[in-house]
PDB file of all heavy atoms in Angstrom:
ATOM      1  N   ALA A   1      77.185 166.663 146.772  1.00  0.00           N
ATOM      2  CA  ALA A   1      76.151 167.126 147.753  1.00  0.00           C
ATOM      3  C   ALA A   1      76.150 168.625 147.999  1.00  0.00           C
ATOM      4  O   ALA A   1      75.139 169.250 148.150  1.00  0.00           O
ATOM      5  CB  ALA A   1      76.242 166.333 149.021  1.00  0.00           C
ATOM      6  N   GLY A   2      77.367 169.259 147.867  1.00  0.00           N
ATOM      7  CA  GLY A   2      77.553 170.625 148.166  1.00  0.00           C
ATOM      8  C   GLY A   2      77.392 171.513 146.877  1.00  0.00           C
ATOM      9  O   GLY A   2      77.556 172.851 146.934  1.00  0.00           O
ATOM     10  N   ARG A   3      77.340 170.887 145.712  1.00  0.00           N
ATOM     11  CA  ARG A   3      77.278 171.690 144.498  1.00  0.00           C
ATOM     12  C   ARG A   3      75.963 172.484 144.319  1.00  0.00           C
ATOM     13  O   ARG A   3      74.887 172.147 144.668  1.00  0.00           O
ATOM     14  CB  ARG A   3      77.507 170.770 143.319  1.00  0.00           C
ATOM     15  CG  ARG A   3      78.803 170.062 143.231  1.00  0.00           C
ATOM     16  CD  ARG A   3      79.924 170.986 143.070  1.00  0.00           C
ATOM     17  NE  ARG A   3      80.086 171.550 141.745  1.00  0.00           N
ATOM     18  CZ  ARG A   3      80.660 171.011 140.722  1.00  0.00           C
ATOM     19  NH1 ARG A   3      81.376 169.857 140.826  1.00  0.00           N
ATOM     20  NH2 ARG A   3      80.754 171.684 139.554  1.00  0.00           N
ATOM     21  N   LYS A   4      76.094 173.685 143.738  1.00  0.00           N
ATOM     22  CA  LYS A   4      74.986 174.420 143.405  1.00  0.00           C
ATOM     23  C   LYS A   4      74.613 174.249 141.896  1.00  0.00           C
ATOM     24  O   LYS A   4      75.565 174.011 140.992  1.00  0.00           O
ATOM     25  CB  LYS A   4      75.246 175.844 143.766  1.00  0.00           C
ATOM     26  CG  LYS A   4      75.469 176.215 145.093  1.00  0.00           C
ATOM     27  CD  LYS A   4      75.678 177.618 145.374  1.00  0.00           C
ATOM     28  CE  LYS A   4      75.892 178.036 146.874  1.00  0.00           C
ATOM     29  NZ  LYS A   4      76.145 179.363 147.086  1.00  0.00           N
ATOM     30  N   PRO A   5      73.325 174.428 141.559  1.00  0.00           N
ATOM     31  CA  PRO A   5      72.960 174.363 140.113  1.00  0.00           C
ATOM     32  C   PRO A   5      73.635 175.421 139.269  1.00  0.00           C
ATOM     33  O   PRO A   5      73.574 176.606 139.643  1.00  0.00           O
ATOM     34  CB  PRO A   5      71.471 174.407 140.074  1.00  0.00           C
ATOM     35  CG  PRO A   5      71.112 175.062 141.353  1.00  0.00           C
ATOM     36  CD  PRO A   5      72.187 174.697 142.294  1.00  0.00           C
ATOM     37  N   GLU A   6      74.223 175.051 138.060  1.00  0.00           N
ATOM     38  CA  GLU A   6      74.870 175.985 137.207  1.00  0.00           C
ATOM     39  C   GLU A   6      74.752 175.413 135.760  1.00  0.00           C
ATOM     40  O   GLU A   6      74.897 174.195 135.571  1.00  0.00           O
ATOM     41  CB  GLU A   6      76.420 176.231 137.494  1.00  0.00           C
ATOM     42  CG  GLU A   6      76.718 176.913 138.791  1.00  0.00           C
ATOM     43  CD  GLU A   6      78.145 177.153 138.966  1.00  0.00           C
ATOM     44  OE1 GLU A   6      78.829 177.576 138.010  1.00  0.00           O
ATOM     45  OE2 GLU A   6      78.726 176.974 139.994  1.00  0.00           O
ATOM     46  N   ASN A   7      74.374 176.264 134.850  1.00  0.00           N
ATOM     47  CA  ASN A   7      74.193 175.911 133.513  1.00  0.00           C
ATOM     48  C   ASN A   7      75.121 176.780 132.636  1.00  0.00           C
ATOM     49  O   ASN A   7      74.763 177.962 132.336  1.00  0.00           O
ATOM     50  CB  ASN A   7      72.759 175.969 132.991  1.00  0.00           C
ATOM     51  CG  ASN A   7      72.654 175.562 131.623  1.00  0.00           C
ATOM     52  OD1 ASN A   7      73.513 174.964 131.065  1.00  0.00           O
ATOM     53  ND2 ASN A   7      71.472 175.868 131.066  1.00  0.00           N
ATOM     54  N   HIS A   8      76.206 176.311 132.036  1.00  0.00           N
ATOM     55  CA  HIS A   8      77.020 176.991 131.183  1.00  0.00           C
ATOM     56  C   HIS A   8      76.913 176.409 129.723  1.00  0.00           C
ATOM     57  O   HIS A   8      77.665 176.810 128.867  1.00  0.00           O
ATOM     58  CB  HIS A   8      78.541 176.808 131.633  1.00  0.00           C
ATOM     59  CG  HIS A   8      78.694 177.378 132.972  1.00  0.00           C
ATOM     60  ND1 HIS A   8      78.820 178.653 133.344  1.00  0.00           N
ATOM     61  CD2 HIS A   8      78.830 176.680 134.214  1.00  0.00           C
ATOM     62  CE1 HIS A   8      78.988 178.806 134.648  1.00  0.00           C
ATOM     63  NE2 HIS A   8      79.078 177.584 135.206  1.00  0.00           N
ATOM     64  N   GLY A   9      75.943 175.522 129.575  1.00  0.00           N
ATOM     65  CA  GLY A   9      75.798 174.898 128.211  1.00  0.00           C
ATOM     66  C   GLY A   9      74.374 175.212 127.695  1.00  0.00           C
ATOM     67  O   GLY A   9      73.842 176.314 127.850  1.00  0.00           O
ATOM     68  N   THR A  10      73.836 174.295 126.955  1.00  0.00           N
ATOM     69  CA  THR A  10      72.542 174.418 126.302  1.00  0.00           C
ATOM     70  C   THR A  10      71.585 173.327 126.710  1.00  0.00           C
ATOM     71  O   THR A  10      71.915 172.199 126.661  1.00  0.00           O
ATOM     72  CB  THR A  10      72.669 174.368 124.730  1.00  0.00           C
ATOM     73  OG1 THR A  10      73.579 175.498 124.334  1.00  0.00           O
ATOM     74  CG2 THR A  10      71.328 174.547 124.090  1.00  0.00           C
ATOM     75  N   VAL A  11      70.477 173.653 127.207  1.00  0.00           N
ATOM     76  CA  VAL A  11      69.466 172.710 127.676  1.00  0.00           C
ATOM     77  C   VAL A  11      68.262 172.891 126.630  1.00  0.00           C
ATOM     78  O   VAL A  11      67.604 173.968 126.626  1.00  0.00           O
ATOM     79  CB  VAL A  11      68.972 172.956 129.067  1.00  0.00           C
ATOM     80  CG1 VAL A  11      67.824 171.909 129.352  1.00  0.00           C
ATOM     81  CG2 VAL A  11      70.164 172.710 130.045  1.00  0.00           C
ATOM     82  N   GLU A  12      67.969 171.930 125.819  1.00  0.00           N
ATOM     83  CA  GLU A  12      66.976 171.992 124.786  1.00  0.00           C
ATOM     84  C   GLU A  12      65.537 172.041 125.403  1.00  0.00           C
ATOM     85  O   GLU A  12      65.360 171.471 126.544  1.00  0.00           O
ATOM     86  CB  GLU A  12      67.060 170.888 123.777  1.00  0.00           C
ATOM     87  CG  GLU A  12      68.252 171.005 122.907  1.00  0.00           C
ATOM     88  CD  GLU A  12      68.343 169.937 121.802  1.00  0.00           C
ATOM     89  OE1 GLU A  12      67.474 168.972 121.929  1.00  0.00           O
ATOM     90  OE2 GLU A  12      69.176 170.054 120.941  1.00  0.00           O
ATOM     91  N   GLU A  13      64.710 172.600 124.746  1.00  0.00           N
ATOM     92  CA  GLU A  13      63.220 172.567 125.216  1.00  0.00           C
ATOM     93  C   GLU A  13      62.759 171.106 125.281  1.00  0.00           C
ATOM     94  O   GLU A  13      63.000 170.216 124.487  1.00  0.00           O
ATOM     95  CB  GLU A  13      62.336 173.326 124.219  1.00  0.00           C
ATOM     96  CG  GLU A  13      60.918 173.396 124.643  1.00  0.00           C
ATOM     97  CD  GLU A  13      60.036 174.204 123.698  1.00  0.00           C
ATOM     98  OE1 GLU A  13      60.634 174.856 122.772  1.00  0.00           O
ATOM     99  OE2 GLU A  13      58.832 174.362 123.916  1.00  0.00           O
ATOM    100  N   GLY A  14      62.086 170.766 126.382  1.00  0.00           N
ATOM    101  CA  GLY A  14      61.622 169.383 126.586  1.00  0.00           C
ATOM    102  C   GLY A  14      62.517 168.661 127.429  1.00  0.00           C
ATOM    103  O   GLY A  14      62.152 167.517 128.007  1.00  0.00           O
ATOM    104  N   ALA A  15      63.798 169.123 127.804  1.00  0.00           N
ATOM    105  CA  ALA A  15      64.593 168.467 128.766  1.00  0.00           C
ATOM    106  C   ALA A  15      64.180 168.892 130.172  1.00  0.00           C
ATOM    107  O   ALA A  15      63.809 170.105 130.320  1.00  0.00           O
ATOM    108  CB  ALA A  15      66.047 168.732 128.437  1.00  0.00           C
ATOM    109  N   ARG A  16      64.318 168.143 131.198  1.00  0.00           N
ATOM    110  CA  ARG A  16      63.909 168.444 132.512  1.00  0.00           C
ATOM    111  C   ARG A  16      65.054 168.238 133.480  1.00  0.00           C
ATOM    112  O   ARG A  16      65.636 167.159 133.530  1.00  0.00           O
ATOM    113  CB  ARG A  16      62.710 167.657 132.915  1.00  0.00           C
ATOM    114  CG  ARG A  16      62.097 168.144 134.289  1.00  0.00           C
ATOM    115  CD  ARG A  16      60.835 167.482 134.660  1.00  0.00           C
ATOM    116  NE  ARG A  16      60.282 167.923 135.803  1.00  0.00           N
ATOM    117  CZ  ARG A  16      59.311 167.349 136.511  1.00  0.00           C
ATOM    118  NH1 ARG A  16      58.769 166.123 136.044  1.00  0.00           N
ATOM    119  NH2 ARG A  16      58.879 167.792 137.645  1.00  0.00           N
ATOM    120  N   LEU A  17      65.436 169.335 134.188  1.00  0.00           N
ATOM    121  CA  LEU A  17      66.424 169.211 135.153  1.00  0.00           C
ATOM    122  C   LEU A  17      65.858 169.556 136.575  1.00  0.00           C
ATOM    123  O   LEU A  17      65.115 170.547 136.739  1.00  0.00           O
ATOM    124  CB  LEU A  17      67.558 170.323 134.958  1.00  0.00           C
ATOM    125  CG  LEU A  17      68.634 169.947 133.948  1.00  0.00           C
ATOM    126  CD1 LEU A  17      68.100 169.591 132.561  1.00  0.00           C
ATOM    127  CD2 LEU A  17      69.633 171.151 133.831  1.00  0.00           C
ATOM    128  N   ILE A  18      66.152 168.640 137.504  1.00  0.00           N
ATOM    129  CA  ILE A  18      65.612 168.817 138.886  1.00  0.00           C
ATOM    130  C   ILE A  18      66.731 168.815 139.874  1.00  0.00           C
ATOM    131  O   ILE A  18      67.576 167.875 139.818  1.00  0.00           O
ATOM    132  CB  ILE A  18      64.605 167.606 139.231  1.00  0.00           C
ATOM    133  CG1 ILE A  18      63.367 167.642 138.239  1.00  0.00           C
ATOM    134  CG2 ILE A  18      64.155 167.780 140.683  1.00  0.00           C
ATOM    135  CD1 ILE A  18      62.615 166.366 138.425  1.00  0.00           C
ATOM    136  N   GLY A  19      66.713 169.783 140.790  1.00  0.00           N
ATOM    137  CA  GLY A  19      67.748 169.827 141.835  1.00  0.00           C
ATOM    138  C   GLY A  19      69.046 170.435 141.283  1.00  0.00           C
ATOM    139  O   GLY A  19      69.090 170.988 140.237  1.00  0.00           O
ATOM    140  N   PRO A  20      70.093 170.252 142.155  1.00  0.00           N
ATOM    141  CA  PRO A  20      71.463 170.786 141.683  1.00  0.00           C
ATOM    142  C   PRO A  20      72.131 170.098 140.520  1.00  0.00           C
ATOM    143  O   PRO A  20      72.670 169.005 140.833  1.00  0.00           O
ATOM    144  CB  PRO A  20      72.207 170.766 142.984  1.00  0.00           C
ATOM    145  CG  PRO A  20      71.679 169.657 143.791  1.00  0.00           C
ATOM    146  CD  PRO A  20      70.199 169.616 143.458  1.00  0.00           C
ATOM    147  N   VAL A  21      72.048 170.578 139.370  1.00  0.00           N
ATOM    148  CA  VAL A  21      72.630 169.994 138.225  1.00  0.00           C
ATOM    149  C   VAL A  21      73.689 171.042 137.705  1.00  0.00           C
ATOM    150  O   VAL A  21      73.356 172.093 137.475  1.00  0.00           O
ATOM    151  CB  VAL A  21      71.590 169.628 137.121  1.00  0.00           C
ATOM    152  CG1 VAL A  21      72.382 169.102 135.934  1.00  0.00           C
ATOM    153  CG2 VAL A  21      70.636 168.638 137.712  1.00  0.00           C
ATOM    154  N   TYR A  22      74.968 170.565 137.580  1.00  0.00           N
ATOM    155  CA  TYR A  22      75.962 171.430 137.036  1.00  0.00           C
ATOM    156  C   TYR A  22      76.213 170.970 135.581  1.00  0.00           C
ATOM    157  O   TYR A  22      76.434 169.813 135.311  1.00  0.00           O
ATOM    158  CB  TYR A  22      77.229 171.302 137.851  1.00  0.00           C
ATOM    159  CG  TYR A  22      78.413 172.105 137.158  1.00  0.00           C
ATOM    160  CD1 TYR A  22      78.639 173.492 137.622  1.00  0.00           C
ATOM    161  CD2 TYR A  22      79.237 171.602 136.153  1.00  0.00           C
ATOM    162  CE1 TYR A  22      79.666 174.266 137.071  1.00  0.00           C
ATOM    163  CE2 TYR A  22      80.283 172.365 135.611  1.00  0.00           C
ATOM    164  CZ  TYR A  22      80.459 173.626 136.033  1.00  0.00           C
ATOM    165  OH  TYR A  22      81.491 174.392 135.476  1.00  0.00           O
ATOM    166  N   ILE A  23      76.088 171.918 134.657  1.00  0.00           N
ATOM    167  CA  ILE A  23      76.407 171.638 133.243  1.00  0.00           C
ATOM    168  C   ILE A  23      77.508 172.593 132.682  1.00  0.00           C
ATOM    169  O   ILE A  23      77.487 173.746 132.766  1.00  0.00           O
ATOM    170  CB  ILE A  23      75.085 171.943 132.381  1.00  0.00           C
ATOM    171  CG1 ILE A  23      73.946 171.054 132.974  1.00  0.00           C
ATOM    172  CG2 ILE A  23      75.420 171.679 130.907  1.00  0.00           C
ATOM    173  CD1 ILE A  23      72.619 171.377 132.276  1.00  0.00           C
ATOM    174  N   GLY A  24      78.534 171.862 132.222  1.00  0.00           N
ATOM    175  CA  GLY A  24      79.749 172.677 131.731  1.00  0.00           C
ATOM    176  C   GLY A  24      79.511 173.338 130.413  1.00  0.00           C
ATOM    177  O   GLY A  24      78.495 173.198 129.768  1.00  0.00           O
ATOM    178  N   GLU A  25      80.575 174.093 130.040  1.00  0.00           N
ATOM    179  CA  GLU A  25      80.542 174.880 128.785  1.00  0.00           C
ATOM    180  C   GLU A  25      80.440 174.026 127.538  1.00  0.00           C
ATOM    181  O   GLU A  25      81.079 172.936 127.497  1.00  0.00           O
ATOM    182  CB  GLU A  25      81.798 175.690 128.731  1.00  0.00           C
ATOM    183  CG  GLU A  25      81.869 176.864 129.779  1.00  0.00           C
ATOM    184  CD  GLU A  25      83.057 177.659 129.642  1.00  0.00           C
ATOM    185  OE1 GLU A  25      83.946 177.415 128.714  1.00  0.00           O
ATOM    186  OE2 GLU A  25      83.309 178.616 130.497  1.00  0.00           O
ATOM    187  N   ASN A  26      79.650 174.427 126.650  1.00  0.00           N
ATOM    188  CA  ASN A  26      79.490 173.791 125.309  1.00  0.00           C
ATOM    189  C   ASN A  26      78.832 172.425 125.417  1.00  0.00           C
ATOM    190  O   ASN A  26      78.938 171.612 124.449  1.00  0.00           O
ATOM    191  CB  ASN A  26      80.896 173.633 124.612  1.00  0.00           C
ATOM    192  CG  ASN A  26      81.486 174.962 124.292  1.00  0.00           C
ATOM    193  OD1 ASN A  26      80.829 175.869 123.856  1.00  0.00           O
ATOM    194  ND2 ASN A  26      82.773 175.092 124.693  1.00  0.00           N
ATOM    195  N   THR A  27      78.247 172.133 126.532  1.00  0.00           N
ATOM    196  CA  THR A  27      77.591 170.865 126.712  1.00  0.00           C
ATOM    197  C   THR A  27      76.037 171.013 126.249  1.00  0.00           C
ATOM    198  O   THR A  27      75.465 172.071 126.582  1.00  0.00           O
ATOM    199  CB  THR A  27      77.606 170.346 128.139  1.00  0.00           C
ATOM    200  OG1 THR A  27      78.912 169.786 128.420  1.00  0.00           O
ATOM    201  CG2 THR A  27      76.580 169.196 128.451  1.00  0.00           C
ATOM    202  N   VAL A  28      75.502 170.038 125.640  1.00  0.00           N
ATOM    203  CA  VAL A  28      74.152 170.068 125.141  1.00  0.00           C
ATOM    204  C   VAL A  28      73.410 168.928 125.878  1.00  0.00           C
ATOM    205  O   VAL A  28      73.696 167.827 125.719  1.00  0.00           O
ATOM    206  CB  VAL A  28      74.050 169.956 123.612  1.00  0.00           C
ATOM    207  CG1 VAL A  28      72.651 169.897 123.197  1.00  0.00           C
ATOM    208  CG2 VAL A  28      74.842 170.947 122.923  1.00  0.00           C
ATOM    209  N   ILE A  29      72.250 169.371 126.535  1.00  0.00           N
ATOM    210  CA  ILE A  29      71.245 168.372 127.065  1.00  0.00           C
ATOM    211  C   ILE A  29      70.140 168.349 126.081  1.00  0.00           C
ATOM    212  O   ILE A  29      69.337 169.402 126.028  1.00  0.00           O
ATOM    213  CB  ILE A  29      70.875 168.793 128.480  1.00  0.00           C
ATOM    214  CG1 ILE A  29      72.066 169.022 129.335  1.00  0.00           C
ATOM    215  CG2 ILE A  29      69.998 167.659 129.091  1.00  0.00           C
ATOM    216  CD1 ILE A  29      73.040 167.910 129.602  1.00  0.00           C
ATOM    217  N   ARG A  30      69.945 167.306 125.422  1.00  0.00           N
ATOM    218  CA  ARG A  30      68.915 167.312 124.430  1.00  0.00           C
ATOM    219  C   ARG A  30      67.467 166.931 124.909  1.00  0.00           C
ATOM    220  O   ARG A  30      67.267 166.400 125.961  1.00  0.00           O
ATOM    221  CB  ARG A  30      69.335 166.268 123.270  1.00  0.00           C
ATOM    222  CG  ARG A  30      70.676 166.669 122.756  1.00  0.00           C
ATOM    223  CD  ARG A  30      70.945 165.909 121.415  1.00  0.00           C
ATOM    224  NE  ARG A  30      72.318 166.360 120.864  1.00  0.00           N
ATOM    225  CZ  ARG A  30      72.541 167.412 120.215  1.00  0.00           C
ATOM    226  NH1 ARG A  30      71.457 168.253 119.935  1.00  0.00           N
ATOM    227  NH2 ARG A  30      73.753 167.860 119.728  1.00  0.00           N
ATOM    228  N   SER A  31      66.504 167.318 124.059  1.00  0.00           N
ATOM    229  CA  SER A  31      65.060 167.143 124.417  1.00  0.00           C
ATOM    230  C   SER A  31      64.690 165.736 124.927  1.00  0.00           C
ATOM    231  O   SER A  31      65.141 164.788 124.516  1.00  0.00           O
ATOM    232  CB  SER A  31      64.279 167.455 123.160  1.00  0.00           C
ATOM    233  OG  SER A  31      62.866 167.434 123.489  1.00  0.00           O
ATOM    234  N   GLY A  32      63.827 165.832 125.963  1.00  0.00           N
ATOM    235  CA  GLY A  32      63.345 164.547 126.530  1.00  0.00           C
ATOM    236  C   GLY A  32      64.212 163.973 127.649  1.00  0.00           C
ATOM    237  O   GLY A  32      63.917 162.992 128.253  1.00  0.00           O
ATOM    238  N   SER A  33      65.467 164.549 127.804  1.00  0.00           N
ATOM    239  CA  SER A  33      66.303 164.005 128.866  1.00  0.00           C
ATOM    240  C   SER A  33      65.807 164.472 130.219  1.00  0.00           C
ATOM    241  O   SER A  33      65.219 165.461 130.371  1.00  0.00           O
ATOM    242  CB  SER A  33      67.743 164.507 128.680  1.00  0.00           C
ATOM    243  OG  SER A  33      68.230 163.993 127.445  1.00  0.00           O
ATOM    244  N   TYR A  34      66.062 163.569 131.184  1.00  0.00           N
ATOM    245  CA  TYR A  34      65.483 163.855 132.573  1.00  0.00           C
ATOM    246  C   TYR A  34      66.761 163.685 133.562  1.00  0.00           C
ATOM    247  O   TYR A  34      67.311 162.539 133.599  1.00  0.00           O
ATOM    248  CB  TYR A  34      64.488 162.774 132.855  1.00  0.00           C
ATOM    249  CG  TYR A  34      63.840 162.783 134.268  1.00  0.00           C
ATOM    250  CD1 TYR A  34      62.907 163.825 134.562  1.00  0.00           C
ATOM    251  CD2 TYR A  34      64.228 161.884 135.252  1.00  0.00           C
ATOM    252  CE1 TYR A  34      62.314 163.964 135.846  1.00  0.00           C
ATOM    253  CE2 TYR A  34      63.572 161.913 136.514  1.00  0.00           C
ATOM    254  CZ  TYR A  34      62.670 162.955 136.810  1.00  0.00           C
ATOM    255  OH  TYR A  34      62.100 162.924 137.984  1.00  0.00           O
ATOM    256  N   ILE A  35      67.140 164.809 134.216  1.00  0.00           N
ATOM    257  CA  ILE A  35      68.307 164.672 135.078  1.00  0.00           C
ATOM    258  C   ILE A  35      67.929 165.097 136.428  1.00  0.00           C
ATOM    259  O   ILE A  35      67.359 166.268 136.660  1.00  0.00           O
ATOM    260  CB  ILE A  35      69.425 165.640 134.505  1.00  0.00           C
ATOM    261  CG1 ILE A  35      69.769 165.201 133.020  1.00  0.00           C
ATOM    262  CG2 ILE A  35      70.703 165.548 135.386  1.00  0.00           C
ATOM    263  CD1 ILE A  35      70.861 166.075 132.386  1.00  0.00           C
ATOM    264  N   VAL A  36      68.238 164.356 137.430  1.00  0.00           N
ATOM    265  CA  VAL A  36      67.867 164.658 138.848  1.00  0.00           C
ATOM    266  C   VAL A  36      69.157 164.795 139.585  1.00  0.00           C
ATOM    267  O   VAL A  36      70.085 163.880 139.775  1.00  0.00           O
ATOM    268  CB  VAL A  36      67.059 163.511 139.540  1.00  0.00           C
ATOM    269  CG1 VAL A  36      66.774 163.912 140.951  1.00  0.00           C
ATOM    270  CG2 VAL A  36      65.822 163.366 138.714  1.00  0.00           C
ATOM    271  N   GLY A  37      69.509 165.983 140.190  1.00  0.00           N
ATOM    272  CA  GLY A  37      70.693 166.255 140.925  1.00  0.00           C
ATOM    273  C   GLY A  37      70.759 165.724 142.249  1.00  0.00           C
ATOM    274  O   GLY A  37      69.693 165.216 142.822  1.00  0.00           O
ATOM    275  N   PRO A  38      71.971 165.628 142.893  1.00  0.00           N
ATOM    276  CA  PRO A  38      73.187 166.307 142.472  1.00  0.00           C
ATOM    277  C   PRO A  38      73.831 165.502 141.330  1.00  0.00           C
ATOM    278  O   PRO A  38      74.017 164.343 141.450  1.00  0.00           O
ATOM    279  CB  PRO A  38      74.083 166.413 143.732  1.00  0.00           C
ATOM    280  CG  PRO A  38      73.632 165.276 144.565  1.00  0.00           C
ATOM    281  CD  PRO A  38      72.074 165.152 144.366  1.00  0.00           C
ATOM    282  N   VAL A  39      74.159 166.284 140.280  1.00  0.00           N
ATOM    283  CA  VAL A  39      74.755 165.646 139.078  1.00  0.00           C
ATOM    284  C   VAL A  39      75.702 166.724 138.522  1.00  0.00           C
ATOM    285  O   VAL A  39      75.420 167.949 138.515  1.00  0.00           O
ATOM    286  CB  VAL A  39      73.735 165.257 138.023  1.00  0.00           C
ATOM    287  CG1 VAL A  39      74.363 165.086 136.626  1.00  0.00           C
ATOM    288  CG2 VAL A  39      72.989 164.048 138.338  1.00  0.00           C
ATOM    289  N   SER A  40      76.858 166.271 138.086  1.00  0.00           N
ATOM    290  CA  SER A  40      77.855 167.134 137.435  1.00  0.00           C
ATOM    291  C   SER A  40      78.164 166.658 136.119  1.00  0.00           C
ATOM    292  O   SER A  40      78.639 165.497 135.962  1.00  0.00           O
ATOM    293  CB  SER A  40      79.107 167.329 138.372  1.00  0.00           C
ATOM    294  OG  SER A  40      80.096 168.139 137.672  1.00  0.00           O
ATOM    295  N   ILE A  41      78.018 167.486 135.039  1.00  0.00           N
ATOM    296  CA  ILE A  41      78.372 167.101 133.731  1.00  0.00           C
ATOM    297  C   ILE A  41      79.341 168.118 133.239  1.00  0.00           C
ATOM    298  O   ILE A  41      79.124 169.328 133.174  1.00  0.00           O
ATOM    299  CB  ILE A  41      77.073 167.165 132.800  1.00  0.00           C
ATOM    300  CG1 ILE A  41      76.064 166.158 133.367  1.00  0.00           C
ATOM    301  CG2 ILE A  41      77.462 166.737 131.370  1.00  0.00           C
ATOM    302  CD1 ILE A  41      74.684 166.303 132.620  1.00  0.00           C
ATOM    303  N   GLY A  42      80.561 167.534 132.679  1.00  0.00           N
ATOM    304  CA  GLY A  42      81.701 168.408 132.371  1.00  0.00           C
ATOM    305  C   GLY A  42      81.429 169.210 130.989  1.00  0.00           C
ATOM    306  O   GLY A  42      80.336 169.296 130.493  1.00  0.00           O
ATOM    307  N   ASP A  43      82.559 169.757 130.440  1.00  0.00           N
ATOM    308  CA  ASP A  43      82.451 170.548 129.347  1.00  0.00           C
ATOM    309  C   ASP A  43      82.309 169.723 128.024  1.00  0.00           C
ATOM    310  O   ASP A  43      82.838 168.539 127.931  1.00  0.00           O
ATOM    311  CB  ASP A  43      83.746 171.406 129.148  1.00  0.00           C
ATOM    312  CG  ASP A  43      83.853 172.478 130.347  1.00  0.00           C
ATOM    313  OD1 ASP A  43      82.831 172.753 130.878  1.00  0.00           O
ATOM    314  OD2 ASP A  43      84.962 172.710 130.473  1.00  0.00           O
ATOM    315  N   SER A  44      81.688 170.286 127.015  1.00  0.00           N
ATOM    316  CA  SER A  44      81.680 169.706 125.629  1.00  0.00           C
ATOM    317  C   SER A  44      81.082 168.210 125.679  1.00  0.00           C
ATOM    318  O   SER A  44      81.614 167.375 124.954  1.00  0.00           O
ATOM    319  CB  SER A  44      83.020 169.675 125.010  1.00  0.00           C
ATOM    320  OG  SER A  44      83.522 171.071 124.937  1.00  0.00           O
ATOM    321  N   CYS A  45      80.053 168.048 126.409  1.00  0.00           N
ATOM    322  CA  CYS A  45      79.406 166.779 126.436  1.00  0.00           C
ATOM    323  C   CYS A  45      78.057 166.830 125.626  1.00  0.00           C
ATOM    324  O   CYS A  45      77.507 167.869 125.322  1.00  0.00           O
ATOM    325  CB  CYS A  45      78.952 166.266 127.835  1.00  0.00           C
ATOM    326  SG  CYS A  45      80.445 165.926 128.889  1.00  0.00           S
ATOM    327  N   ASP A  46      77.655 165.706 125.137  1.00  0.00           N
ATOM    328  CA  ASP A  46      76.459 165.546 124.404  1.00  0.00           C
ATOM    329  C   ASP A  46      75.489 164.450 124.984  1.00  0.00           C
ATOM    330  O   ASP A  46      75.902 163.289 125.044  1.00  0.00           O
ATOM    331  CB  ASP A  46      76.755 165.134 122.959  1.00  0.00           C
ATOM    332  CG  ASP A  46      75.495 165.290 121.940  1.00  0.00           C
ATOM    333  OD1 ASP A  46      74.352 165.407 122.428  1.00  0.00           O
ATOM    334  OD2 ASP A  46      75.746 165.322 120.724  1.00  0.00           O
TER     335      ASP A  46
END
């Protein structure tokens, strides 16, 4: 609940992030994905 949005990875065109979403290093969020925070995704995820 207290996390702030941070993006250290890659969010492809067409993916949608809403609210506080944390994305770790080398993580890829692929097109068409829909993520509503608060959400935390670690490093090197696909």
